[in-house]
PDB file of N, CA and C in Angstrom:
ATOM      1  N   MET A   1       2.376  22.683  26.413  1.00  0.00           N
ATOM      2  CA  MET A   1       1.200  21.859  26.246  1.00  0.00           C
ATOM      3  C   MET A   1       0.977  21.665  24.749  1.00  0.00           C
ATOM      4  N   SER A   2       0.759  20.424  24.334  1.00  0.00           N
ATOM      5  CA  SER A   2       0.498  20.172  22.929  1.00  0.00           C
ATOM      6  C   SER A   2      -0.876  19.533  22.772  1.00  0.00           C
ATOM      7  N   ALA A   3      -1.492  19.817  21.656  1.00  0.00           N
ATOM      8  CA  ALA A   3      -2.804  19.250  21.373  1.00  0.00           C
ATOM      9  C   ALA A   3      -2.646  17.930  20.636  1.00  0.00           C
ATOM     10  N   THR A   4      -3.513  16.996  20.927  1.00  0.00           N
ATOM     11  CA  THR A   4      -3.530  15.733  20.226  1.00  0.00           C
ATOM     12  C   THR A   4      -4.487  15.850  19.051  1.00  0.00           C
ATOM     13  N   PRO A   5      -4.046  15.499  17.851  1.00  0.00           N
ATOM     14  CA  PRO A   5      -4.946  15.597  16.700  1.00  0.00           C
ATOM     15  C   PRO A   5      -6.145  14.666  16.858  1.00  0.00           C
ATOM     16  N   SER A   6      -7.304  15.126  16.446  1.00  0.00           N
ATOM     17  CA  SER A   6      -8.506  14.309  16.562  1.00  0.00           C
ATOM     18  C   SER A   6      -8.800  13.537  15.291  1.00  0.00           C
ATOM     19  N   GLY A   7      -8.171  13.904  14.201  1.00  0.00           N
ATOM     20  CA  GLY A   7      -8.387  13.207  12.940  1.00  0.00           C
ATOM     21  C   GLY A   7      -7.620  13.870  11.827  1.00  0.00           C
ATOM     22  N   GLU A   8      -7.422  13.129  10.763  1.00  0.00           N
ATOM     23  CA  GLU A   8      -6.684  13.644   9.627  1.00  0.00           C
ATOM     24  C   GLU A   8      -7.635  13.822   8.446  1.00  0.00           C
ATOM     25  N   HIS A   9      -7.479  14.945   7.738  1.00  0.00           N
ATOM     26  CA  HIS A   9      -8.355  15.285   6.620  1.00  0.00           C
ATOM     27  C   HIS A   9      -7.520  15.608   5.382  1.00  0.00           C
ATOM     28  N   ALA A  10      -8.111  15.391   4.222  1.00  0.00           N
ATOM     29  CA  ALA A  10      -7.501  15.830   2.969  1.00  0.00           C
ATOM     30  C   ALA A  10      -7.764  17.323   2.816  1.00  0.00           C
ATOM     31  N   GLY A  11      -6.918  18.013   2.068  1.00  0.00           N
ATOM     32  CA  GLY A  11      -7.101  19.444   1.855  1.00  0.00           C
ATOM     33  C   GLY A  11      -8.466  19.753   1.273  1.00  0.00           C
ATOM     34  N   GLY A  12      -9.115  20.754   1.818  1.00  0.00           N
ATOM     35  CA  GLY A  12     -10.418  21.163   1.322  1.00  0.00           C
ATOM     36  C   GLY A  12     -11.590  20.388   1.897  1.00  0.00           C
ATOM     37  N   CYS A  13     -11.356  19.505   2.860  1.00  0.00           N
ATOM     38  CA  CYS A  13     -12.451  18.730   3.453  1.00  0.00           C
ATOM     39  C   CYS A  13     -13.400  19.668   4.191  1.00  0.00           C
ATOM     40  N   TRP A  14     -14.679  19.507   3.962  1.00  0.00           N
ATOM     41  CA  TRP A  14     -15.684  20.339   4.613  1.00  0.00           C
ATOM     42  C   TRP A  14     -15.769  20.057   6.114  1.00  0.00           C
ATOM     43  N   ASN A  15     -15.250  18.922   6.547  1.00  0.00           N
ATOM     44  CA  ASN A  15     -15.375  18.515   7.945  1.00  0.00           C
ATOM     45  C   ASN A  15     -14.105  18.783   8.757  1.00  0.00           C
ATOM     46  N   ALA A  16     -13.130  19.486   8.187  1.00  0.00           N
ATOM     47  CA  ALA A  16     -11.843  19.684   8.852  1.00  0.00           C
ATOM     48  C   ALA A  16     -11.904  20.648  10.035  1.00  0.00           C
ATOM     49  N   GLY A  17     -12.798  21.581  10.021  1.00  0.00           N
ATOM     50  CA  GLY A  17     -12.879  22.535  11.116  1.00  0.00           C
ATOM     51  C   GLY A  17     -11.988  23.742  10.873  1.00  0.00           C
ATOM     52  N   LYS A  18     -12.194  24.763  11.669  1.00  0.00           N
ATOM     53  CA  LYS A  18     -11.487  26.034  11.484  1.00  0.00           C
ATOM     54  C   LYS A  18     -10.083  26.025  12.072  1.00  0.00           C
ATOM     55  N   ARG A  19      -9.790  25.106  12.983  1.00  0.00           N
ATOM     56  CA  ARG A  19      -8.495  25.108  13.659  1.00  0.00           C
ATOM     57  C   ARG A  19      -7.503  24.132  13.032  1.00  0.00           C
ATOM     58  N   SER A  20      -7.813  23.604  11.856  1.00  0.00           N
ATOM     59  CA  SER A  20      -6.908  22.648  11.224  1.00  0.00           C
ATOM     60  C   SER A  20      -5.752  23.383  10.548  1.00  0.00           C
ATOM     61  N   ARG A  21      -4.674  22.640  10.305  1.00  0.00           N
ATOM     62  CA  ARG A  21      -3.511  23.209   9.624  1.00  0.00           C
ATOM     63  C   ARG A  21      -2.972  22.174   8.653  1.00  0.00           C
ATOM     64  N   GLY A  22      -2.306  22.622   7.627  1.00  0.00           N
ATOM     65  CA  GLY A  22      -1.723  21.725   6.645  1.00  0.00           C
ATOM     66  C   GLY A  22      -0.452  21.069   7.173  1.00  0.00           C
ATOM     67  N   ILE A  23      -0.201  19.841   6.717  1.00  0.00           N
ATOM     68  CA  ILE A  23       1.024  19.128   7.072  1.00  0.00           C
ATOM     69  C   ILE A  23       1.595  18.497   5.807  1.00  0.00           C
ATOM     70  N   SER A  24       2.849  18.091   5.878  1.00  0.00           N
ATOM     71  CA  SER A  24       3.492  17.472   4.722  1.00  0.00           C
ATOM     72  C   SER A  24       2.960  16.055   4.513  1.00  0.00           C
ATOM     73  N   ARG A  25       3.207  15.518   3.340  1.00  0.00           N
ATOM     74  CA  ARG A  25       2.793  14.152   3.014  1.00  0.00           C
ATOM     75  C   ARG A  25       3.430  13.165   3.986  1.00  0.00           C
ATOM     76  N   ASP A  26       4.726  13.336   4.253  1.00  0.00           N
ATOM     77  CA  ASP A  26       5.425  12.434   5.180  1.00  0.00           C
ATOM     78  C   ASP A  26       4.811  12.481   6.572  1.00  0.00           C
ATOM     79  N   GLU A  27       4.498  13.682   7.049  1.00  0.00           N
ATOM     80  CA  GLU A  27       3.898  13.824   8.374  1.00  0.00           C
ATOM     81  C   GLU A  27       2.505  13.195   8.400  1.00  0.00           C
ATOM     82  N   ALA A  28       1.753  13.349   7.322  1.00  0.00           N
ATOM     83  CA  ALA A  28       0.419  12.752   7.245  1.00  0.00           C
ATOM     84  C   ALA A  28       0.500  11.230   7.306  1.00  0.00           C
ATOM     85  N   LEU A  29       1.427  10.646   6.565  1.00  0.00           N
ATOM     86  CA  LEU A  29       1.606   9.195   6.596  1.00  0.00           C
ATOM     87  C   LEU A  29       2.035   8.720   7.981  1.00  0.00           C
ATOM     88  N   ARG A  30       2.902   9.495   8.624  1.00  0.00           N
ATOM     89  CA  ARG A  30       3.368   9.151   9.962  1.00  0.00           C
ATOM     90  C   ARG A  30       2.221   9.180  10.968  1.00  0.00           C
ATOM     91  N   THR A  31       1.370  10.190  10.893  1.00  0.00           N
ATOM     92  CA  THR A  31       0.261  10.272  11.846  1.00  0.00           C
ATOM     93  C   THR A  31      -0.732   9.138  11.621  1.00  0.00           C
ATOM     94  N   LEU A  32      -0.975   8.768  10.375  1.00  0.00           N
ATOM     95  CA  LEU A  32      -1.856   7.630  10.104  1.00  0.00           C
ATOM     96  C   LEU A  32      -1.254   6.349  10.675  1.00  0.00           C
ATOM     97  N   ALA A  33       0.057   6.154  10.495  1.00  0.00           N
ATOM     98  CA  ALA A  33       0.738   4.971  11.021  1.00  0.00           C
ATOM     99  C   ALA A  33       0.714   4.950  12.547  1.00  0.00           C
ATOM    100  N   ASP A  34       0.687   6.129  13.163  1.00  0.00           N
ATOM    101  CA  ASP A  34       0.644   6.227  14.623  1.00  0.00           C
ATOM    102  C   ASP A  34      -0.763   6.047  15.186  1.00  0.00           C
ATOM    103  N   GLY A  35      -1.745   5.849  14.317  1.00  0.00           N
ATOM    104  CA  GLY A  35      -3.097   5.566  14.781  1.00  0.00           C
ATOM    105  C   GLY A  35      -4.058   6.728  14.794  1.00  0.00           C
ATOM    106  N   ILE A  36      -3.643   7.897  14.290  1.00  0.00           N
ATOM    107  CA  ILE A  36      -4.576   9.022  14.192  1.00  0.00           C
ATOM    108  C   ILE A  36      -5.601   8.654  13.119  1.00  0.00           C
ATOM    109  N   PRO A  37      -6.888   8.709  13.430  1.00  0.00           N
ATOM    110  CA  PRO A  37      -7.887   8.257  12.462  1.00  0.00           C
ATOM    111  C   PRO A  37      -8.007   9.180  11.251  1.00  0.00           C
ATOM    112  N   ALA A  38      -8.291   8.569  10.109  1.00  0.00           N
ATOM    113  CA  ALA A  38      -8.550   9.324   8.880  1.00  0.00           C
ATOM    114  C   ALA A  38     -10.027   9.693   8.824  1.00  0.00           C
ATOM    115  N   CYS A  39     -10.328  10.846   8.298  1.00  0.00           N
ATOM    116  CA  CYS A  39     -11.713  11.293   8.128  1.00  0.00           C
ATOM    117  C   CYS A  39     -12.439  10.296   7.221  1.00  0.00           C
ATOM    118  N   SER A  40     -13.631   9.878   7.627  1.00  0.00           N
ATOM    119  CA  SER A  40     -14.390   8.914   6.835  1.00  0.00           C
ATOM    120  C   SER A  40     -15.086   9.559   5.644  1.00  0.00           C
ATOM    121  N   HIS A  41     -15.040  10.892   5.564  1.00  0.00           N
ATOM    122  CA  HIS A  41     -15.680  11.594   4.445  1.00  0.00           C
ATOM    123  C   HIS A  41     -14.699  11.869   3.307  1.00  0.00           C
ATOM    124  N   CYS A  42     -13.524  12.407   3.630  1.00  0.00           N
ATOM    125  CA  CYS A  42     -12.576  12.784   2.575  1.00  0.00           C
ATOM    126  C   CYS A  42     -11.502  11.720   2.324  1.00  0.00           C
ATOM    127  N   ARG A  43     -11.342  10.765   3.225  1.00  0.00           N
ATOM    128  CA  ARG A  43     -10.449   9.614   3.079  1.00  0.00           C
ATOM    129  C   ARG A  43      -9.013   9.974   2.672  1.00  0.00           C
ATOM    130  N   PRO A  44      -8.289  10.737   3.524  1.00  0.00           N
ATOM    131  CA  PRO A  44      -6.917  11.089   3.176  1.00  0.00           C
ATOM    132  C   PRO A  44      -6.003   9.863   3.106  1.00  0.00           C
ATOM    133  N   ASP A  45      -6.344   8.804   3.835  1.00  0.00           N
ATOM    134  CA  ASP A  45      -5.538   7.587   3.767  1.00  0.00           C
ATOM    135  C   ASP A  45      -5.564   6.981   2.365  1.00  0.00           C
ATOM    136  N   SER A  46      -6.723   6.966   1.732  1.00  0.00           N
ATOM    137  CA  SER A  46      -6.838   6.457   0.362  1.00  0.00           C
ATOM    138  C   SER A  46      -6.118   7.373  -0.621  1.00  0.00           C
ATOM    139  N   GLU A  47      -6.282   8.671  -0.425  1.00  0.00           N
ATOM    140  CA  GLU A  47      -5.643   9.657  -1.311  1.00  0.00           C
ATOM    141  C   GLU A  47      -4.114   9.548  -1.254  1.00  0.00           C
ATOM    142  N   LEU A  48      -3.581   9.221  -0.071  1.00  0.00           N
ATOM    143  CA  LEU A  48      -2.138   9.093   0.102  1.00  0.00           C
ATOM    144  C   LEU A  48      -1.612   7.688  -0.230  1.00  0.00           C
ATOM    145  N   GLY A  49      -2.513   6.751  -0.478  1.00  0.00           N
ATOM    146  CA  GLY A  49      -2.091   5.392  -0.765  1.00  0.00           C
ATOM    147  C   GLY A  49      -1.659   4.638   0.477  1.00  0.00           C
ATOM    148  N   PHE A  50      -2.165   5.043   1.645  1.00  0.00           N
ATOM    149  CA  PHE A  50      -1.800   4.414   2.910  1.00  0.00           C
ATOM    150  C   PHE A  50      -2.623   3.133   3.096  1.00  0.00           C
ATOM    151  N   LEU A  51      -1.918   2.024   3.267  1.00  0.00           N
ATOM    152  CA  LEU A  51      -2.577   0.754   3.518  1.00  0.00           C
ATOM    153  C   LEU A  51      -2.212   0.296   4.918  1.00  0.00           C
ATOM    154  N   ASP A  52      -3.194   0.200   5.782  1.00  0.00           N
ATOM    155  CA  ASP A  52      -2.963  -0.218   7.172  1.00  0.00           C
ATOM    156  C   ASP A  52      -2.664  -1.704   7.217  1.00  0.00           C
ATOM    157  N   GLY A  53      -1.548  -2.049   7.855  1.00  0.00           N
ATOM    158  CA  GLY A  53      -1.195  -3.454   8.028  1.00  0.00           C
ATOM    159  C   GLY A  53      -0.331  -3.886   6.937  1.00  0.00           C
TER     160      GLY A  53
END
């Protein structure tokens, strides 16, 4: 059984929760491209330079 991520956060985000884990830059970009939402507070998509579309 695998868990589906509920959102992506930048390191140190206060809203990440206790069960979050770090991932590589490539994996973060891949999850954003796959439609996993970015946190609206820490904006990891902006930090990574991810442009949707």
